[in-house]
Amino acid sequence: MTSDIDPTPSLGHRVAILCLVAVVGVTVNVVLWQLGPILANPHIGLPAHWPPLSFFVLCIVVGSFLAIPMCLAVGLPLWRLAQRWQRHSLADALAFGLVAGAIIGIVMALPELAGEAPWSAIDRSDLFMLAGYCVAGMCGGGLAHRLGYPQT
């Protein structure tokens, strides 16, 4: 038995999903940023480096104001591309999320890399930051797939 219902979410539904995905991506990034010093100094432990909850809330709220427009600017064209190429699986959503996270991570790194010798200024923390954006993008891609295509 086949269904006549189009599984593709409407533009409004995609925008709402991407706005939620942006907030989730900011949350993932904020947690990963705080895990960096903990992973670099595991002997000190979690309580010494972990900030109060109000810090997380502030970062998520402020970061979301920047993340939502960026997520829409990158996510809507990528989602349209995925629709055009008939890429609707979870693996495809994770891959497109990875691409979106990498694009946003590079855009966020541009001000820092705008110096005289940008490639010599890249260090381990910059790569960790880019990896964090990629992980956040993959989390967002998985969530967008779950919310956009709940029946698959």
N, C-alpha and C. Protein backbone atom coordinates (compact mmCIF):
# COMPACT_ATOMS: atom_id res chain seq x y z
N MET A 1 0.85 -1.17 0.00
CA MET A 1 0.00 0.00 0.00
C MET A 1 0.90 1.24 0.00
N THR A 2 0.71 2.09 -0.98
CA THR A 2 1.53 3.30 -1.08
C THR A 2 0.74 4.49 -0.57
N SER A 3 1.47 5.47 -0.10
CA SER A 3 0.85 6.67 0.44
C SER A 3 0.94 7.79 -0.58
N ASP A 4 -0.11 8.59 -0.68
CA ASP A 4 -0.12 9.73 -1.59
C ASP A 4 0.36 11.00 -0.91
N ILE A 5 0.75 10.91 0.34
CA ILE A 5 1.21 12.07 1.09
C ILE A 5 2.67 12.33 0.73
N ASP A 6 2.99 13.58 0.39
CA ASP A 6 4.37 13.96 0.08
C ASP A 6 5.17 13.99 1.38
N PRO A 7 6.27 13.22 1.47
CA PRO A 7 7.03 13.17 2.71
C PRO A 7 7.90 14.40 2.94
N THR A 8 8.00 15.27 1.94
CA THR A 8 8.86 16.44 2.06
C THR A 8 8.19 17.49 2.94
N PRO A 9 8.88 17.96 3.98
CA PRO A 9 8.29 18.99 4.83
C PRO A 9 8.16 20.32 4.09
N SER A 10 7.18 21.10 4.48
CA SER A 10 6.96 22.41 3.86
C SER A 10 8.08 23.36 4.24
N LEU A 11 8.14 24.49 3.55
CA LEU A 11 9.17 25.49 3.83
C LEU A 11 9.06 25.99 5.27
N GLY A 12 7.85 26.26 5.73
CA GLY A 12 7.67 26.72 7.10
C GLY A 12 8.13 25.70 8.12
N HIS A 13 7.84 24.43 7.84
CA HIS A 13 8.25 23.36 8.73
C HIS A 13 9.78 23.25 8.73
N ARG A 14 10.41 23.36 7.56
CA ARG A 14 11.88 23.31 7.49
C ARG A 14 12.51 24.48 8.24
N VAL A 15 11.93 25.68 8.12
CA VAL A 15 12.46 26.85 8.83
C VAL A 15 12.36 26.63 10.34
N ALA A 16 11.22 26.14 10.81
CA ALA A 16 11.06 25.89 12.25
C ALA A 16 12.05 24.83 12.73
N ILE A 17 12.23 23.77 11.95
CA ILE A 17 13.18 22.72 12.31
C ILE A 17 14.59 23.28 12.37
N LEU A 18 14.98 24.08 11.39
CA LEU A 18 16.34 24.63 11.36
C LEU A 18 16.57 25.62 12.50
N CYS A 19 15.53 26.35 12.90
CA CYS A 19 15.69 27.25 14.06
C CYS A 19 15.96 26.44 15.33
N LEU A 20 15.22 25.35 15.52
CA LEU A 20 15.46 24.48 16.67
C LEU A 20 16.83 23.83 16.58
N VAL A 21 17.22 23.40 15.38
CA VAL A 21 18.53 22.79 15.17
C VAL A 21 19.64 23.77 15.51
N ALA A 22 19.45 25.05 15.20
CA ALA A 22 20.46 26.06 15.51
C ALA A 22 20.68 26.17 17.02
N VAL A 23 19.61 26.17 17.77
CA VAL A 23 19.72 26.25 19.23
C VAL A 23 20.41 25.00 19.78
N VAL A 24 20.06 23.85 19.25
CA VAL A 24 20.72 22.61 19.67
C VAL A 24 22.20 22.65 19.31
N GLY A 25 22.53 23.15 18.12
CA GLY A 25 23.92 23.27 17.72
C GLY A 25 24.71 24.18 18.62
N VAL A 26 24.12 25.30 19.01
CA VAL A 26 24.80 26.21 19.95
C VAL A 26 25.02 25.50 21.29
N THR A 27 24.04 24.77 21.75
CA THR A 27 24.16 24.05 23.01
C THR A 27 25.30 23.03 22.95
N VAL A 28 25.37 22.28 21.86
CA VAL A 28 26.45 21.30 21.69
C VAL A 28 27.80 22.00 21.68
N ASN A 29 27.90 23.12 20.95
CA ASN A 29 29.16 23.86 20.88
C ASN A 29 29.58 24.41 22.24
N VAL A 30 28.65 24.96 22.98
CA VAL A 30 28.99 25.53 24.29
C VAL A 30 29.51 24.42 25.22
N VAL A 31 28.87 23.28 25.20
CA VAL A 31 29.33 22.16 26.03
C VAL A 31 30.72 21.70 25.58
N LEU A 32 30.93 21.61 24.26
CA LEU A 32 32.24 21.18 23.76
C LEU A 32 33.32 22.21 24.09
N TRP A 33 33.00 23.51 24.03
CA TRP A 33 33.98 24.53 24.39
C TRP A 33 34.41 24.38 25.85
N GLN A 34 33.47 24.02 26.69
CA GLN A 34 33.80 23.86 28.10
C GLN A 34 34.54 22.55 28.37
N LEU A 35 34.35 21.56 27.50
CA LEU A 35 35.06 20.30 27.68
C LEU A 35 36.52 20.40 27.26
N GLY A 36 36.87 21.38 26.42
CA GLY A 36 38.24 21.54 25.95
C GLY A 36 39.26 21.65 27.07
N PRO A 37 39.11 22.60 27.99
CA PRO A 37 40.07 22.69 29.10
C PRO A 37 40.05 21.47 30.01
N ILE A 38 38.91 20.84 30.14
CA ILE A 38 38.82 19.65 30.99
C ILE A 38 39.59 18.50 30.36
N LEU A 39 39.47 18.36 29.03
CA LEU A 39 40.20 17.31 28.34
C LEU A 39 41.70 17.60 28.31
N ALA A 40 42.06 18.89 28.27
CA ALA A 40 43.47 19.26 28.26
C ALA A 40 44.12 19.05 29.64
N ASN A 41 43.35 19.16 30.70
CA ASN A 41 43.87 19.00 32.07
C ASN A 41 42.99 18.03 32.85
N PRO A 42 43.02 16.75 32.49
CA PRO A 42 42.10 15.81 33.16
C PRO A 42 42.40 15.60 34.64
N HIS A 43 43.61 15.90 35.07
CA HIS A 43 43.95 15.69 36.48
C HIS A 43 43.29 16.72 37.40
N ILE A 44 42.86 17.86 36.83
CA ILE A 44 42.23 18.90 37.66
C ILE A 44 40.79 18.53 37.98
N GLY A 45 40.09 17.95 37.02
CA GLY A 45 38.74 17.48 37.26
C GLY A 45 37.66 18.44 36.79
N LEU A 46 36.45 17.95 36.78
CA LEU A 46 35.30 18.68 36.26
C LEU A 46 34.92 19.90 37.10
N PRO A 47 34.81 19.83 38.41
CA PRO A 47 34.32 20.99 39.17
C PRO A 47 35.21 22.23 39.04
N ALA A 48 36.50 22.05 38.83
CA ALA A 48 37.39 23.21 38.77
C ALA A 48 37.18 24.05 37.51
N HIS A 49 36.75 23.41 36.42
CA HIS A 49 36.62 24.11 35.15
C HIS A 49 35.18 24.38 34.72
N TRP A 50 34.23 23.68 35.29
CA TRP A 50 32.86 23.77 34.81
C TRP A 50 32.21 25.06 35.31
N PRO A 51 31.73 25.93 34.41
CA PRO A 51 31.10 27.18 34.83
C PRO A 51 29.68 26.96 35.36
N PRO A 52 29.10 27.98 35.96
CA PRO A 52 27.72 27.85 36.47
C PRO A 52 26.72 27.74 35.33
N LEU A 53 25.55 27.25 35.65
CA LEU A 53 24.50 27.05 34.65
C LEU A 53 24.11 28.36 33.97
N SER A 54 24.14 29.46 34.70
CA SER A 54 23.77 30.76 34.10
C SER A 54 24.69 31.13 32.94
N PHE A 55 25.97 30.71 33.00
CA PHE A 55 26.89 30.94 31.90
C PHE A 55 26.42 30.21 30.64
N PHE A 56 26.01 28.95 30.82
CA PHE A 56 25.52 28.18 29.68
C PHE A 56 24.28 28.81 29.07
N VAL A 57 23.36 29.22 29.91
CA VAL A 57 22.12 29.83 29.42
C VAL A 57 22.43 31.12 28.65
N LEU A 58 23.31 31.94 29.19
CA LEU A 58 23.69 33.18 28.51
C LEU A 58 24.33 32.89 27.16
N CYS A 59 25.26 31.95 27.12
CA CYS A 59 25.92 31.62 25.85
C CYS A 59 24.94 31.06 24.83
N ILE A 60 24.02 30.24 25.28
CA ILE A 60 23.05 29.65 24.36
C ILE A 60 22.10 30.71 23.81
N VAL A 61 21.62 31.61 24.67
CA VAL A 61 20.70 32.66 24.23
C VAL A 61 21.40 33.61 23.27
N VAL A 62 22.57 34.10 23.65
CA VAL A 62 23.29 35.05 22.79
C VAL A 62 23.75 34.36 21.51
N GLY A 63 24.27 33.14 21.63
CA GLY A 63 24.73 32.41 20.46
C GLY A 63 23.61 32.08 19.49
N SER A 64 22.42 31.87 20.00
CA SER A 64 21.29 31.54 19.13
C SER A 64 20.91 32.70 18.21
N PHE A 65 21.10 33.94 18.68
CA PHE A 65 20.79 35.09 17.83
C PHE A 65 21.68 35.12 16.58
N LEU A 66 22.88 34.64 16.69
CA LEU A 66 23.78 34.55 15.55
C LEU A 66 23.59 33.24 14.80
N ALA A 67 23.33 32.17 15.52
CA ALA A 67 23.25 30.84 14.92
C ALA A 67 22.01 30.64 14.06
N ILE A 68 20.88 31.19 14.46
CA ILE A 68 19.65 30.95 13.71
C ILE A 68 19.74 31.51 12.29
N PRO A 69 20.15 32.76 12.08
CA PRO A 69 20.28 33.23 10.69
C PRO A 69 21.33 32.45 9.89
N MET A 70 22.44 32.10 10.55
CA MET A 70 23.48 31.34 9.84
C MET A 70 22.97 29.94 9.48
N CYS A 71 22.26 29.32 10.39
CA CYS A 71 21.73 27.98 10.14
C CYS A 71 20.70 28.01 9.01
N LEU A 72 19.89 29.04 8.99
CA LEU A 72 18.92 29.16 7.89
C LEU A 72 19.62 29.44 6.57
N ALA A 73 20.64 30.29 6.59
CA ALA A 73 21.36 30.64 5.36
C ALA A 73 22.10 29.44 4.78
N VAL A 74 22.60 28.58 5.63
CA VAL A 74 23.33 27.41 5.15
C VAL A 74 22.39 26.21 5.01
N GLY A 75 21.51 26.02 5.97
CA GLY A 75 20.68 24.82 6.01
C GLY A 75 19.59 24.74 4.96
N LEU A 76 18.93 25.86 4.67
CA LEU A 76 17.86 25.81 3.67
C LEU A 76 18.37 25.43 2.28
N PRO A 77 19.47 26.04 1.79
CA PRO A 77 19.98 25.59 0.48
C PRO A 77 20.46 24.14 0.49
N LEU A 78 21.09 23.72 1.58
CA LEU A 78 21.53 22.32 1.64
C LEU A 78 20.34 21.36 1.67
N TRP A 79 19.28 21.74 2.39
CA TRP A 79 18.08 20.89 2.43
C TRP A 79 17.45 20.83 1.05
N ARG A 80 17.42 21.95 0.36
CA ARG A 80 16.87 21.98 -1.00
C ARG A 80 17.70 21.09 -1.93
N LEU A 81 19.01 21.15 -1.77
CA LEU A 81 19.90 20.30 -2.55
C LEU A 81 19.64 18.83 -2.25
N ALA A 82 19.46 18.50 -0.99
CA ALA A 82 19.16 17.12 -0.60
C ALA A 82 17.83 16.66 -1.21
N GLN A 83 16.85 17.55 -1.24
CA GLN A 83 15.57 17.20 -1.86
C GLN A 83 15.74 16.97 -3.36
N ARG A 84 16.49 17.84 -4.00
CA ARG A 84 16.70 17.72 -5.44
C ARG A 84 17.42 16.43 -5.79
N TRP A 85 18.38 16.03 -4.96
CA TRP A 85 19.15 14.81 -5.21
C TRP A 85 18.50 13.57 -4.61
N GLN A 86 17.30 13.72 -4.03
CA GLN A 86 16.57 12.60 -3.41
C GLN A 86 17.39 11.94 -2.31
N ARG A 87 18.01 12.76 -1.46
CA ARG A 87 18.82 12.28 -0.34
C ARG A 87 18.03 12.51 0.94
N HIS A 88 17.32 11.48 1.41
CA HIS A 88 16.44 11.62 2.56
C HIS A 88 16.78 10.68 3.71
N SER A 89 17.88 9.93 3.60
CA SER A 89 18.21 8.97 4.66
C SER A 89 18.89 9.67 5.83
N LEU A 90 18.97 8.97 6.93
CA LEU A 90 19.65 9.52 8.11
C LEU A 90 21.14 9.74 7.82
N ALA A 91 21.75 8.83 7.10
CA ALA A 91 23.17 9.00 6.75
C ALA A 91 23.38 10.25 5.90
N ASP A 92 22.47 10.50 4.98
CA ASP A 92 22.57 11.72 4.17
C ASP A 92 22.38 12.97 5.03
N ALA A 93 21.44 12.91 5.97
CA ALA A 93 21.21 14.06 6.86
C ALA A 93 22.43 14.33 7.71
N LEU A 94 23.08 13.27 8.19
CA LEU A 94 24.30 13.46 8.98
C LEU A 94 25.42 14.05 8.13
N ALA A 95 25.52 13.60 6.88
CA ALA A 95 26.55 14.14 5.99
C ALA A 95 26.29 15.61 5.66
N PHE A 96 25.05 15.95 5.36
CA PHE A 96 24.71 17.35 5.08
C PHE A 96 24.90 18.20 6.34
N GLY A 97 24.60 17.64 7.51
CA GLY A 97 24.84 18.35 8.76
C GLY A 97 26.33 18.60 8.99
N LEU A 98 27.14 17.63 8.64
CA LEU A 98 28.60 17.78 8.75
C LEU A 98 29.07 18.91 7.84
N VAL A 99 28.57 18.94 6.62
CA VAL A 99 28.94 20.01 5.68
C VAL A 99 28.49 21.37 6.21
N ALA A 100 27.26 21.43 6.71
CA ALA A 100 26.76 22.70 7.26
C ALA A 100 27.60 23.15 8.45
N GLY A 101 27.94 22.22 9.34
CA GLY A 101 28.77 22.56 10.49
C GLY A 101 30.15 23.05 10.07
N ALA A 102 30.73 22.41 9.06
CA ALA A 102 32.04 22.83 8.57
C ALA A 102 31.98 24.22 7.95
N ILE A 103 30.93 24.49 7.17
CA ILE A 103 30.78 25.81 6.56
C ILE A 103 30.64 26.89 7.64
N ILE A 104 29.78 26.64 8.61
CA ILE A 104 29.57 27.62 9.68
C ILE A 104 30.85 27.77 10.51
N GLY A 105 31.55 26.68 10.77
CA GLY A 105 32.80 26.76 11.52
C GLY A 105 33.85 27.58 10.80
N ILE A 106 33.95 27.41 9.48
CA ILE A 106 34.91 28.20 8.70
C ILE A 106 34.51 29.67 8.70
N VAL A 107 33.23 29.94 8.53
CA VAL A 107 32.76 31.34 8.56
C VAL A 107 33.06 31.97 9.92
N MET A 108 32.85 31.23 10.99
CA MET A 108 33.12 31.77 12.32
C MET A 108 34.62 31.97 12.56
N ALA A 109 35.46 31.21 11.87
CA ALA A 109 36.91 31.34 12.05
C ALA A 109 37.51 32.43 11.17
N LEU A 110 36.78 32.92 10.19
CA LEU A 110 37.33 33.92 9.26
C LEU A 110 37.86 35.18 9.94
N PRO A 111 37.16 35.76 10.92
CA PRO A 111 37.74 36.96 11.55
C PRO A 111 39.10 36.70 12.21
N GLU A 112 39.26 35.53 12.80
CA GLU A 112 40.53 35.21 13.44
C GLU A 112 41.63 34.95 12.40
N LEU A 113 41.24 34.40 11.26
CA LEU A 113 42.20 34.04 10.23
C LEU A 113 42.47 35.18 9.25
N ALA A 114 41.91 36.34 9.49
CA ALA A 114 42.04 37.45 8.55
C ALA A 114 43.36 38.21 8.69
N GLY A 115 44.28 37.73 9.48
CA GLY A 115 45.57 38.40 9.68
C GLY A 115 46.48 38.25 8.47
N GLU A 116 47.73 38.61 8.65
CA GLU A 116 48.69 38.60 7.56
C GLU A 116 49.01 37.19 7.07
N ALA A 117 49.23 36.25 7.96
CA ALA A 117 49.55 34.87 7.60
C ALA A 117 48.53 33.95 8.24
N PRO A 118 47.34 33.86 7.64
CA PRO A 118 46.25 33.15 8.32
C PRO A 118 46.54 31.68 8.55
N TRP A 119 47.18 30.99 7.62
CA TRP A 119 47.35 29.55 7.78
C TRP A 119 48.40 29.22 8.83
N SER A 120 49.32 30.14 9.10
CA SER A 120 50.29 29.88 10.15
C SER A 120 49.69 30.11 11.54
N ALA A 121 48.54 30.77 11.59
CA ALA A 121 47.90 31.06 12.87
C ALA A 121 46.99 29.93 13.35
N ILE A 122 46.78 28.90 12.52
CA ILE A 122 45.90 27.80 12.91
C ILE A 122 46.63 26.91 13.91
N ASP A 123 45.98 26.66 15.04
CA ASP A 123 46.56 25.78 16.05
C ASP A 123 45.55 24.71 16.44
N ARG A 124 45.90 23.94 17.43
CA ARG A 124 45.05 22.83 17.86
C ARG A 124 43.68 23.29 18.34
N SER A 125 43.62 24.43 19.01
CA SER A 125 42.33 24.91 19.51
C SER A 125 41.40 25.30 18.35
N ASP A 126 41.97 25.82 17.26
CA ASP A 126 41.15 26.15 16.09
C ASP A 126 40.57 24.88 15.45
N LEU A 127 41.38 23.85 15.39
CA LEU A 127 40.90 22.58 14.84
C LEU A 127 39.85 21.94 15.74
N PHE A 128 40.04 22.08 17.06
CA PHE A 128 39.04 21.57 18.00
C PHE A 128 37.73 22.34 17.84
N MET A 129 37.84 23.66 17.61
CA MET A 129 36.64 24.47 17.40
C MET A 129 35.92 24.04 16.12
N LEU A 130 36.67 23.83 15.03
CA LEU A 130 36.06 23.39 13.78
C LEU A 130 35.41 22.01 13.95
N ALA A 131 36.09 21.13 14.65
CA ALA A 131 35.52 19.80 14.91
C ALA A 131 34.23 19.92 15.72
N GLY A 132 34.20 20.87 16.66
CA GLY A 132 32.98 21.09 17.44
C GLY A 132 31.81 21.54 16.57
N TYR A 133 32.09 22.43 15.63
CA TYR A 133 31.03 22.85 14.71
C TYR A 133 30.57 21.68 13.84
N CYS A 134 31.50 20.83 13.43
CA CYS A 134 31.13 19.66 12.63
C CYS A 134 30.27 18.69 13.43
N VAL A 135 30.63 18.46 14.69
CA VAL A 135 29.83 17.58 15.55
C VAL A 135 28.44 18.19 15.78
N ALA A 136 28.41 19.49 16.04
CA ALA A 136 27.12 20.16 16.23
C ALA A 136 26.28 20.08 14.95
N GLY A 137 26.92 20.21 13.79
CA GLY A 137 26.20 20.08 12.53
C GLY A 137 25.64 18.69 12.32
N MET A 138 26.41 17.68 12.69
CA MET A 138 25.91 16.31 12.56
C MET A 138 24.75 16.06 13.53
N CYS A 139 24.85 16.58 14.74
CA CYS A 139 23.73 16.47 15.69
C CYS A 139 22.49 17.16 15.11
N GLY A 140 22.71 18.33 14.54
CA GLY A 140 21.60 19.07 13.93
C GLY A 140 21.02 18.35 12.74
N GLY A 141 21.88 17.75 11.91
CA GLY A 141 21.38 16.98 10.76
C GLY A 141 20.54 15.80 11.18
N GLY A 142 20.99 15.10 12.24
CA GLY A 142 20.21 13.98 12.75
C GLY A 142 18.87 14.42 13.31
N LEU A 143 18.88 15.54 14.05
CA LEU A 143 17.62 16.06 14.60
C LEU A 143 16.70 16.54 13.49
N ALA A 144 17.26 17.23 12.49
CA ALA A 144 16.44 17.70 11.38
C ALA A 144 15.81 16.53 10.63
N HIS A 145 16.55 15.45 10.47
CA HIS A 145 15.99 14.28 9.81
C HIS A 145 14.87 13.68 10.63
N ARG A 146 15.09 13.59 11.93
CA ARG A 146 14.07 13.00 12.81
C ARG A 146 12.78 13.83 12.81
N LEU A 147 12.93 15.15 12.83
CA LEU A 147 11.76 16.02 12.87
C LEU A 147 11.13 16.20 11.48
N GLY A 148 11.95 16.19 10.44
CA GLY A 148 11.44 16.42 9.09
C GLY A 148 10.86 15.19 8.43
N TYR A 149 11.41 14.03 8.79
CA TYR A 149 10.96 12.76 8.19
C TYR A 149 10.71 11.74 9.30
N PRO A 150 9.71 11.97 10.14
CA PRO A 150 9.51 11.09 11.31
C PRO A 150 9.11 9.66 10.94
N GLN A 151 8.59 9.44 9.75
CA GLN A 151 8.12 8.12 9.39
C GLN A 151 9.23 7.21 8.89
N THR A 152 10.42 7.76 8.61
CA THR A 152 11.50 6.92 8.08
C THR A 152 12.47 6.52 9.15
